[in-house]
Structure formats: structure tokens, C-alpha cells
Amino acid sequence: MSVRSLLTLGLAALPAVLGSPLEARAAAAKTTTVTASASTVTVTASASTVTVTASGSACGSITSAPSSSHTTSTSVNTNPTTTETATQTIGFNKAAKSLSPKRYFGTAADIPGTGENQDPYYMAELNNTKDFGQLTPANIMKWYATEPEQGVFNYTGGNDFLALAEANGQIVRCHNLVWYNQLPYWLTNPTTNWTAATLTAVMENHITNLIEYWGDRCYAWDVVNEALNDDGSWRETIFYEVIGPSYFDIAYKTAQAAVKAKGLKVKLYYNDYNIEYPGNKSTAAQNLVKGLQSQKIKIDGVGLQSHFIIGETPSQATQESNMAAFTGLGVDVAVTELDVRSPNLPPTAAQETQQKADYQSTVGACANTQRCVGVTVWDFDDTYSWIPSTFPGQGYGDLFFQPGGPDTPLVKKVAADGVIAGWESGT
């Protein structure tokens, strides 16, 4: 079923959130594959577990960001001893907009074509603009989806995603143009080995086509995603290995030319993980920005992915200091893929309280940073989380869960209060 079909049926009007005290905690496990498959549901009553096999995909690296391609299984485990729920009702995005300058609060979503856009309760919350004023396509604008054959572009899924957001008045961070992962087979296994010249032409063509086609329907583009290792060195990608480090500058120069050719306002970002706190990788990312600026190549912002662990999240002061190091270069920052996972399942009551504090620290850092434009969570519902498939035994990182499993009402966690408290702490 398409996104348009769901909206036509009026499913977005269904109630999305339960507010009563809980007797369940979700430990969602999701991995994804780019090949769709039929969903099956297996219920094991003795283990109080619901297992769902479906299709979908996530984004990022196996270190601190979602993995690239998998199959899907979702488990919901009950924990009647833990009953904390959120008390706030103002709305995450409404609170962000109350600041000066206004911020946004958004979420990634893996639609169309997955269980998410077939779940009416999930879709109702996704369409709730009091909570979400911005959306990020988790997969549908990546290279494998948009250029499945060389020079043959597929914009259908991206158009559906944009149409959904536009119907709600939500802005879209388009994600992403150049990444080492989720590349089409023809690119990673060419019939004739790439040369620097031929691969550069392919990269330039891809960037130009996507930016010019979608234009200002994209609020921003993650032009290059995850170009660095944790020690600050270049990640060994097909682009780095064939073209060399200049691929990075070429990507942004190409994006700049496309923006100029069409007279666009779209912002160009660099996006990475483990650059949310001072260290070799954050410094290297700052140097990438400086390198582009020295050549007068357009870069507008840096995305801080922010995949954290309960109790190990950098302090608010640390995150503010790190944000200042980027904004001091004259660029914006955005928290682009926030989640705070539990290292064990189910989490304890103390961990839930800490998770609330950790969400507050990150959102509060953005609220106190003048050029932090907004915060995006990497999906909002544990049912569709990337975490347990990448970090076995971990999870519970999102703001909502479904104690009854997919296609049942959502419950907002106490962590949601941390988001509101973070925005309200803004100066």
C-alpha cells in the first residue's frame, strides 16, 4: 500500500499514543534488506514475545549508526515492574519552534514500502506536526534506490516521501548523495574497473541529477555521509580508493554547481557519527569544513548523528562546546540521527530516568547553541528501530514503543519529557 493510499483511507486520524501507565516495555529488533518480502507474525505466549518478519532498511555504520541492509524481526518483551511514562503534552516540534531563533524537531522514517507506512498508529504519529516538523528519508533517497542502473534514475519512492511531508507542511532533510554503503551492484562491481576520471563522472552525474530534480523540495542534503574513521583518517571507500581524498571536495563542488544552476536555496551538509564530542574525529570533520571554505566551496552545515548509550551520552556542556567548534567556522549544526539505547533489555527504572536526562542533554545543547537548527531522531518507535539488529541485546532507544507490537497503539516513554525539558532549558 502506498503512502497516498494510507492518507486517503484516513488512517492518519487514528489515535497514535496511549497515555495510561504501562505494564510493558518494548525491546524492538529490526534489521533490513532492500528486497521487500511478505510479513509474517509468530506469537510465543510463554515468552510474552511477538516476532515479526518483514522488510525495510536502515542507515549508518555498525559502530554508531544504523546498519546498511538486513532482514526484519521485531520483538516485544513485557516488563510489568517498570511503569514510567511521559507527562508532557506540548509536542516536541512545538516546543522547538518556541525558541528564538526557531528550531525544528523531526524524525527519520523508512517509507514508503515497509511495515512503517502500513502501520496506522505509526503513521498517525508521523503525521503529528506538533511532534514532528521535519522528516528524513531513511533509505529511499540513497544511491541504490535512486540510481539502480547506471544513468537510470528512479524518483518514485522519493517523490512519495516528499509528498507525505509536504501534505503535512514538514520540511525534509534529503539523505544522502555520497556514502560508502548501500551502493548499487553496478557501482561496486563494474564490468570495467573504474578510473578516477570515470568514477568522478558517475559521482558528478548522480549528485547533479538528484539535486536538480528535487530542488528546493529538499530543505538540505547530506552530500557526503561518514567519510572519516574514528581516528580522523579517511575511510577506505570506493570513492577514496579510486579518486583519492579529492572526491570529497569534488562532491561539494558539484553540489554547489547544481544549486547555482537552478537558483536553489537547499543547504549542503556533511553528516557523521562520533563527532558529537571533542576528539580526533570531530577535529578532522572541522578540517573538512575548513578545506571546503578555503576553496570557496559551499558547505552550510554539519550533521551530528548522535547515536548514544544510556549513561554514556556526552554531557550537555561537552556537546555545546563541540557544537561551538563547528558553528565558530560559520556553519550551522544539526542533530541528525538521535537515539539513546539501553545496553541491556529490559532497561531498569534507573536507566529510563537516565535516558530522559540523556535526551535532555542533547536537545538542551541544541537549544543553547544559536546555530543549531534542529534535532532529528532516527525513527521514533522501537518497533522499527535499527538498534537490536546491530547491537544484539541492546535497544529501547526511541521515544515511543508499542507494547502490543506492530499495528497497535504507541506509548510515549518518560524520555519524551527529556526532549521537552531540553528545549525549555534553551537560553
Protein backbone atom coordinates (compact mmCIF):
# COMPACT_ATOMS: atom_id res chain seq x y z
CA MET A 1 0.00 0.00 0.00
CA SER A 2 1.32 3.44 -0.87
CA VAL A 3 1.63 6.43 1.46
CA ARG A 4 -1.06 8.18 -0.55
CA SER A 5 -3.40 5.22 -0.08
CA LEU A 6 -2.97 5.33 3.69
CA LEU A 7 -3.78 9.02 3.80
CA THR A 8 -6.78 8.56 1.51
CA LEU A 9 -8.19 5.94 3.86
CA GLY A 10 -7.92 8.41 6.72
CA LEU A 11 -5.65 6.22 8.80
CA ALA A 12 -3.63 9.22 9.92
CA ALA A 13 -6.60 10.26 12.04
CA LEU A 14 -6.40 7.13 14.21
CA PRO A 15 -5.14 7.55 17.80
CA ALA A 16 -1.39 7.06 17.95
CA VAL A 17 -0.45 7.20 21.61
CA LEU A 18 -1.63 5.57 24.80
CA GLY A 19 -1.19 7.72 27.89
CA SER A 20 -2.05 5.24 30.66
CA PRO A 21 0.62 3.69 32.92
CA LEU A 22 2.40 0.81 31.26
CA GLU A 23 2.78 -2.83 32.11
CA ALA A 24 5.07 -3.49 29.18
CA ARG A 25 8.40 -2.44 27.76
CA ALA A 26 9.36 -3.00 24.14
CA ALA A 27 12.70 -4.41 23.12
CA ALA A 28 12.48 -3.93 19.39
CA ALA A 29 14.86 -5.67 16.99
CA LYS A 30 14.98 -4.56 13.39
CA THR A 31 17.32 -5.32 10.58
CA THR A 32 16.51 -4.69 6.98
CA THR A 33 17.03 -5.68 3.38
CA VAL A 34 16.44 -3.74 0.21
CA THR A 35 14.35 -6.61 -1.15
CA ALA A 36 10.76 -6.48 0.06
CA SER A 37 9.12 -9.59 1.44
CA ALA A 38 5.78 -10.56 2.90
CA SER A 39 5.29 -10.11 6.64
CA THR A 40 4.56 -12.99 8.99
CA VAL A 41 3.76 -12.85 12.69
CA THR A 42 4.68 -15.54 15.21
CA VAL A 43 3.41 -15.28 18.78
CA THR A 44 5.06 -17.20 21.62
CA ALA A 45 2.81 -16.76 24.63
CA SER A 46 5.12 -18.34 27.17
CA ALA A 47 7.85 -15.81 26.42
CA SER A 48 5.45 -12.88 26.07
CA THR A 49 7.10 -12.23 22.74
CA VAL A 50 5.77 -11.17 19.37
CA THR A 51 8.09 -11.82 16.44
CA VAL A 52 7.51 -10.14 13.10
CA THR A 53 9.39 -10.84 9.89
CA ALA A 54 9.04 -8.08 7.31
CA SER A 55 11.00 -5.81 5.02
CA GLY A 56 12.73 -2.49 5.38
CA SER A 57 16.13 -0.91 5.75
CA ALA A 58 18.12 1.40 7.94
CA CYS A 59 21.10 3.70 7.63
CA GLY A 60 24.57 4.22 9.00
CA SER A 61 27.58 2.28 10.20
CA ILE A 62 27.86 -0.69 12.52
CA THR A 63 29.84 1.34 15.04
CA SER A 64 27.39 4.07 15.97
CA ALA A 65 24.87 4.33 13.18
CA PRO A 66 22.24 2.03 11.65
CA SER A 67 23.47 -0.88 9.57
CA SER A 68 23.01 -0.99 5.84
CA SER A 69 20.91 -3.95 4.77
CA HIS A 70 19.19 -6.73 6.68
CA THR A 71 16.03 -8.75 7.24
CA THR A 72 13.46 -7.59 9.78
CA SER A 73 12.36 -9.04 13.09
CA THR A 74 10.64 -7.21 15.92
CA SER A 75 10.26 -8.49 19.47
CA VAL A 76 8.12 -7.02 22.22
CA ASN A 77 9.02 -8.17 25.74
CA THR A 78 6.85 -7.38 28.72
CA ASN A 79 8.27 -5.91 31.92
CA PRO A 80 5.43 -5.25 34.37
CA THR A 81 7.75 -3.83 37.03
CA THR A 82 8.52 -0.67 35.05
CA THR A 83 5.70 1.86 34.58
CA GLU A 84 7.19 5.28 33.86
CA THR A 85 5.51 7.22 31.04
CA ALA A 86 5.81 10.74 29.71
CA THR A 87 3.74 13.51 31.23
CA GLN A 88 4.33 16.25 28.63
CA THR A 89 1.72 17.13 26.03
CA ILE A 90 3.11 20.28 24.37
CA GLY A 91 4.71 18.49 21.40
CA PHE A 92 8.41 18.14 20.54
CA ASN A 93 8.31 20.36 17.47
CA LYS A 94 6.00 22.93 19.02
CA ALA A 95 8.49 23.32 21.87
CA ALA A 96 11.37 23.66 19.39
CA LYS A 97 9.52 26.38 17.50
CA SER A 98 9.01 28.38 20.68
CA LEU A 99 12.70 29.26 20.82
CA SER A 100 14.35 32.24 19.14
CA PRO A 101 15.55 31.50 16.57
CA LYS A 102 13.04 28.73 15.95
CA ARG A 103 14.30 25.16 15.77
CA TYR A 104 12.66 22.05 14.36
CA PHE A 105 12.20 18.60 15.82
CA GLY A 106 11.99 15.75 13.34
CA THR A 107 12.32 12.05 12.70
CA ALA A 108 13.68 9.66 10.12
CA ALA A 109 11.19 7.24 8.58
CA ASP A 110 11.77 4.18 6.42
CA ILE A 111 8.92 4.72 3.99
CA PRO A 112 7.41 4.02 1.52
CA GLY A 113 7.33 0.28 1.02
CA THR A 114 7.91 -1.02 4.57
CA GLY A 115 5.87 -2.00 7.59
CA GLU A 116 6.02 1.55 8.89
CA ASN A 117 3.68 3.05 6.33
CA GLN A 118 1.34 0.06 6.73
CA ASP A 119 1.04 0.65 10.48
CA PRO A 120 -1.81 3.14 11.05
CA TYR A 121 -0.71 4.01 14.59
CA TYR A 122 2.84 4.70 13.48
CA MET A 123 1.60 6.82 10.58
CA ALA A 124 -0.73 8.81 12.80
CA GLU A 125 2.20 9.85 14.98
CA LEU A 126 4.44 10.52 11.99
CA ASN A 127 1.79 12.93 10.70
CA ASN A 128 1.59 14.68 14.08
CA THR A 129 3.20 18.03 13.29
CA LYS A 130 3.08 19.12 16.93
CA ASP A 131 5.77 16.49 17.48
CA PHE A 132 7.50 16.35 14.08
CA GLY A 133 8.11 19.35 11.85
CA GLN A 134 10.86 17.69 9.79
CA LEU A 135 11.34 14.28 8.17
CA THR A 136 14.38 12.38 6.87
CA PRO A 137 14.07 9.52 4.38
CA ALA A 138 15.97 6.65 5.99
CA ASN A 139 16.69 4.84 2.73
CA ILE A 140 14.59 5.81 -0.25
CA MET A 141 16.91 8.57 -1.49
CA LYS A 142 20.14 6.57 -1.19
CA TRP A 143 22.12 5.62 -4.28
CA TYR A 144 20.84 2.03 -4.58
CA ALA A 145 17.26 3.32 -4.65
CA THR A 146 17.67 6.41 -6.82
CA GLU A 147 20.09 5.11 -9.50
CA PRO A 148 19.62 1.32 -9.57
CA GLU A 149 21.14 1.16 -13.06
CA GLN A 150 23.85 3.47 -14.33
CA GLY A 151 22.25 6.61 -15.67
CA VAL A 152 18.72 5.32 -14.97
CA PHE A 153 17.12 7.28 -12.14
CA ASN A 154 14.15 6.23 -10.03
CA TYR A 155 12.50 9.11 -8.21
CA THR A 156 9.21 7.38 -7.35
CA GLY A 157 9.91 6.49 -3.72
CA GLY A 158 11.50 9.85 -3.00
CA ASN A 159 8.55 11.64 -4.55
CA ASP A 160 6.14 9.66 -2.36
CA PHE A 161 8.17 10.56 0.74
CA LEU A 162 8.27 14.24 -0.18
CA ALA A 163 4.54 14.27 -0.97
CA LEU A 164 3.78 12.90 2.50
CA ALA A 165 5.92 15.56 4.18
CA GLU A 166 4.57 18.36 2.01
CA ALA A 167 0.98 17.38 2.77
CA ASN A 168 1.81 17.95 6.45
CA GLY A 169 3.94 21.06 5.93
CA GLN A 170 7.04 19.20 7.19
CA ILE A 171 10.48 20.06 5.82
CA VAL A 172 12.75 17.27 4.55
CA ARG A 173 16.46 16.69 5.09
CA CYS A 174 17.29 14.66 1.97
CA HIS A 175 19.69 11.80 2.75
CA ASN A 176 22.17 11.11 1.13
CA LEU A 177 24.19 11.70 -2.06
CA VAL A 178 27.58 10.01 -1.49
CA TRP A 179 28.08 7.23 1.06
CA TYR A 180 30.28 4.15 1.09
CA ASN A 181 27.35 1.85 1.84
CA GLN A 182 24.08 0.82 0.14
CA LEU A 183 25.53 1.36 -3.31
CA PRO A 184 24.05 -0.37 -6.38
CA TYR A 185 25.75 -3.51 -7.69
CA TRP A 186 26.78 -1.86 -10.94
CA LEU A 187 28.79 0.70 -9.00
CA THR A 188 30.59 -1.67 -6.66
CA ASN A 189 31.09 -4.42 -9.28
CA PRO A 190 31.72 -2.66 -12.60
CA THR A 191 32.22 -4.63 -15.79
CA THR A 192 35.28 -2.44 -16.42
CA ASN A 193 37.33 -1.19 -13.50
CA TRP A 194 36.70 2.42 -12.59
CA THR A 195 39.35 5.05 -13.15
CA ALA A 196 39.48 8.33 -11.28
CA ALA A 197 38.00 10.05 -14.34
CA THR A 198 35.15 7.59 -14.96
CA LEU A 199 34.09 7.28 -11.30
CA THR A 200 34.25 11.06 -10.87
CA ALA A 201 31.91 11.44 -13.85
CA VAL A 202 29.49 8.92 -12.34
CA MET A 203 29.52 10.68 -8.96
CA GLU A 204 29.06 14.11 -10.51
CA ASN A 205 26.15 12.87 -12.62
CA HIS A 206 24.42 11.32 -9.62
CA ILE A 207 24.77 14.41 -7.44
CA THR A 208 23.68 16.79 -10.17
CA ASN A 209 20.62 14.79 -11.16
CA LEU A 210 19.25 14.40 -7.63
CA ILE A 211 19.81 17.98 -6.55
CA GLU A 212 18.39 19.46 -9.74
CA TYR A 213 15.41 17.09 -9.85
CA TRP A 214 14.22 17.61 -6.28
CA GLY A 215 15.40 21.19 -5.98
CA ASP A 216 14.12 23.15 -3.01
CA ARG A 217 11.71 20.38 -2.06
CA CYS A 218 14.76 19.34 -0.01
CA TYR A 219 15.49 21.68 2.89
CA ALA A 220 19.01 20.24 2.99
CA TRP A 221 21.13 17.44 1.52
CA ASP A 222 23.69 15.27 3.30
CA VAL A 223 26.14 15.49 0.42
CA VAL A 224 28.81 13.17 1.84
CA ASN A 225 27.97 10.80 4.67
CA GLU A 226 30.56 9.24 7.00
CA ALA A 227 33.83 9.97 5.19
CA LEU A 228 36.00 9.52 8.29
CA ASN A 229 37.28 6.78 10.56
CA ASP A 230 37.12 7.30 14.32
CA ASP A 231 40.78 8.31 14.43
CA GLY A 232 40.09 11.11 11.94
CA SER A 233 41.68 9.37 8.95
CA TRP A 234 39.88 8.86 5.64
CA ARG A 235 37.51 5.92 5.49
CA GLU A 236 38.51 3.42 2.79
CA THR A 237 35.58 3.76 0.39
CA ILE A 238 35.32 3.07 -3.32
CA PHE A 239 35.41 6.82 -3.90
CA TYR A 240 38.51 7.34 -1.77
CA GLU A 241 40.32 4.33 -3.19
CA VAL A 242 39.70 5.20 -6.84
CA ILE A 243 39.56 9.02 -6.85
CA GLY A 244 41.52 9.82 -3.70
CA PRO A 245 40.66 12.34 -0.97
CA SER A 246 39.74 14.92 -3.61
CA TYR A 247 36.44 13.05 -4.10
CA PHE A 248 35.15 14.92 -1.04
CA ASP A 249 35.84 18.38 -2.48
CA ILE A 250 34.56 17.30 -5.91
CA ALA A 251 31.26 16.15 -4.39
CA TYR A 252 30.61 19.51 -2.75
CA LYS A 253 31.81 21.49 -5.75
CA THR A 254 29.39 19.50 -7.92
CA ALA A 255 26.54 20.07 -5.46
CA GLN A 256 27.35 23.78 -5.38
CA ALA A 257 27.22 23.96 -9.17
CA ALA A 258 23.81 22.23 -9.23
CA VAL A 259 22.44 24.61 -6.60
CA LYS A 260 23.72 27.60 -8.55
CA ALA A 261 22.44 26.32 -11.91
CA LYS A 262 18.89 26.08 -10.59
CA GLY A 263 18.99 29.07 -8.24
CA LEU A 264 18.21 26.86 -5.23
CA LYS A 265 18.19 27.58 -1.51
CA VAL A 266 18.87 23.97 -0.43
CA LYS A 267 21.54 23.66 2.27
CA LEU A 268 24.54 21.34 1.87
CA TYR A 269 25.69 19.31 4.89
CA TYR A 270 28.39 16.89 5.94
CA ASN A 271 26.98 14.13 8.19
CA ASP A 272 28.85 11.73 10.50
CA TYR A 273 28.81 9.91 13.86
CA ASN A 274 31.20 10.19 16.82
CA ILE A 275 31.79 13.86 16.01
CA GLU A 276 29.40 14.96 18.77
CA TYR A 277 32.21 15.49 21.28
CA PRO A 278 35.79 16.84 21.03
CA GLY A 279 38.33 14.38 19.67
CA ASN A 280 40.28 13.37 16.60
CA LYS A 281 37.20 12.68 14.50
CA SER A 282 35.45 15.94 15.38
CA THR A 283 38.66 17.86 14.65
CA ALA A 284 39.01 16.08 11.31
CA ALA A 285 35.42 16.98 10.41
CA GLN A 286 36.13 20.61 11.25
CA ASN A 287 39.16 20.44 8.97
CA LEU A 288 36.96 19.13 6.15
CA VAL A 289 34.78 22.21 6.56
CA LYS A 290 37.82 24.49 6.56
CA GLY A 291 39.17 22.79 3.47
CA LEU A 292 35.99 23.45 1.53
CA GLN A 293 35.82 27.02 2.75
CA SER A 294 39.40 27.69 1.71
CA GLN A 295 38.38 26.79 -1.84
CA LYS A 296 35.16 28.81 -1.61
CA ILE A 297 33.11 25.64 -2.00
CA LYS A 298 29.64 25.76 -0.47
CA ILE A 299 29.02 23.95 2.82
CA ASP A 300 26.20 25.15 5.06
CA GLY A 301 26.19 22.77 7.96
CA VAL A 302 27.39 19.67 9.77
CA GLY A 303 25.11 16.86 10.93
CA LEU A 304 25.93 15.28 14.28
CA GLN A 305 24.34 11.83 14.18
CA SER A 306 24.28 11.30 17.97
CA HIS A 307 23.69 7.57 18.43
CA PHE A 308 24.26 7.33 22.18
CA ILE A 309 24.14 4.80 25.03
CA ILE A 310 22.26 5.42 28.27
CA GLY A 311 24.68 6.83 30.82
CA GLU A 312 27.44 7.31 28.23
CA THR A 313 25.95 10.30 26.42
CA PRO A 314 28.32 13.30 26.39
CA SER A 315 27.34 15.96 28.89
CA GLN A 316 25.36 18.94 27.70
CA ALA A 317 28.35 21.21 28.31
CA THR A 318 30.58 18.92 26.24
CA GLN A 319 28.09 18.84 23.38
CA GLU A 320 27.66 22.62 23.49
CA SER A 321 31.41 23.12 23.37
CA ASN A 322 31.72 20.77 20.42
CA MET A 323 28.84 22.45 18.56
CA ALA A 324 30.54 25.80 19.14
CA ALA A 325 33.71 24.49 17.47
CA PHE A 326 31.69 23.91 14.28
CA THR A 327 29.46 26.98 14.39
CA GLY A 328 32.57 29.08 15.02
CA LEU A 329 33.57 28.16 11.47
CA GLY A 330 30.46 29.90 10.17
CA VAL A 331 28.30 26.82 9.53
CA ASP A 332 25.10 25.50 11.12
CA VAL A 333 24.90 22.27 13.07
CA ALA A 334 22.01 19.85 13.41
CA VAL A 335 21.49 16.73 15.49
CA THR A 336 20.51 14.37 12.68
CA GLU A 337 20.07 10.78 13.95
CA LEU A 338 19.49 10.88 17.71
CA ASP A 339 18.69 7.83 19.78
CA VAL A 340 19.81 6.72 23.24
CA ARG A 341 19.92 2.95 23.54
CA SER A 342 19.88 0.73 26.59
CA PRO A 343 22.90 -1.62 26.88
CA ASN A 344 20.60 -4.31 28.28
CA LEU A 345 16.98 -5.38 27.85
CA PRO A 346 14.70 -4.71 29.51
CA PRO A 347 16.05 -1.45 30.92
CA THR A 348 15.81 -0.72 34.61
CA ALA A 349 13.79 2.16 36.04
CA ALA A 350 17.08 3.92 36.83
CA GLN A 351 18.16 3.56 33.20
CA GLU A 352 14.89 5.04 31.99
CA THR A 353 15.43 8.03 34.23
CA GLN A 354 18.96 8.38 32.88
CA GLN A 355 17.68 8.06 29.31
CA LYS A 356 15.40 11.03 29.97
CA ALA A 357 18.41 13.02 31.22
CA ASP A 358 20.48 12.00 28.20
CA TYR A 359 17.82 13.14 25.74
CA GLN A 360 17.57 16.39 27.68
CA SER A 361 21.35 16.93 27.44
CA THR A 362 21.43 16.65 23.65
CA VAL A 363 18.30 18.67 22.98
CA GLY A 364 19.39 21.22 25.57
CA ALA A 365 22.77 21.60 23.84
CA CYS A 366 20.98 22.42 20.60
CA ALA A 367 18.64 24.81 22.39
CA ASN A 368 21.63 26.68 23.83
CA THR A 369 23.54 26.82 20.53
CA GLN A 370 22.38 29.70 18.37
CA ARG A 371 23.24 27.99 15.08
CA CYS A 372 21.91 24.56 15.98
CA VAL A 373 18.89 24.47 13.67
CA GLY A 374 17.15 21.36 14.95
CA VAL A 375 17.10 17.81 16.26
CA THR A 376 16.08 14.66 14.38
CA VAL A 377 15.61 11.26 16.00
CA TRP A 378 16.50 8.19 13.93
CA ASP A 379 12.91 6.97 13.94
CA PHE A 380 10.71 7.34 16.99
CA ASP A 381 9.25 3.87 17.62
CA ASP A 382 11.18 0.87 19.00
CA THR A 383 9.16 -1.46 16.80
CA TYR A 384 11.05 -0.15 13.79
CA SER A 385 14.42 0.51 15.42
CA TRP A 386 17.72 -0.41 13.77
CA ILE A 387 19.50 -0.90 17.10
CA PRO A 388 18.94 -4.52 18.26
CA SER A 389 19.93 -5.99 14.90
CA THR A 390 23.26 -4.14 15.02
CA PHE A 391 23.88 -4.36 18.77
CA PRO A 392 22.39 -7.69 19.95
CA GLY A 393 20.91 -7.47 23.43
CA GLN A 394 20.60 -3.69 23.24
CA GLY A 395 17.72 -1.45 22.21
CA TYR A 396 14.88 0.61 23.67
CA GLY A 397 16.47 3.73 22.22
CA ASP A 398 13.47 5.63 20.84
CA LEU A 399 10.80 7.88 22.32
CA PHE A 400 7.84 5.53 21.76
CA PHE A 401 7.14 1.82 21.76
CA GLN A 402 4.22 -0.46 21.02
CA PRO A 403 3.59 -2.87 23.91
CA GLY A 404 1.18 -4.79 21.70
CA GLY A 405 3.56 -4.99 18.76
CA PRO A 406 3.15 -3.57 15.24
CA ASP A 407 -0.24 -2.13 14.27
CA THR A 408 -1.17 -1.36 17.89
CA PRO A 409 -1.24 1.94 19.82
CA LEU A 410 2.02 3.68 20.67
CA VAL A 411 3.11 4.61 24.19
CA LYS A 412 5.30 7.64 24.81
CA LYS A 413 8.22 6.95 27.14
CA VAL A 414 9.40 9.12 30.01
CA ALA A 415 12.37 10.01 27.76
CA ALA A 416 9.96 12.27 25.89
CA ASP A 417 9.88 14.55 28.93
CA GLY A 418 13.63 14.96 28.49
CA VAL A 419 13.12 16.34 24.98
CA ILE A 420 10.70 18.99 26.21
CA ALA A 421 12.90 19.83 29.19
CA GLY A 422 15.84 20.24 26.82
CA TRP A 423 14.01 22.74 24.64
CA GLU A 424 12.66 24.58 27.68
CA SER A 425 16.19 24.95 29.04
CA GLY A 426 17.21 26.96 25.99
CA THR A 427 18.61 30.42 26.52
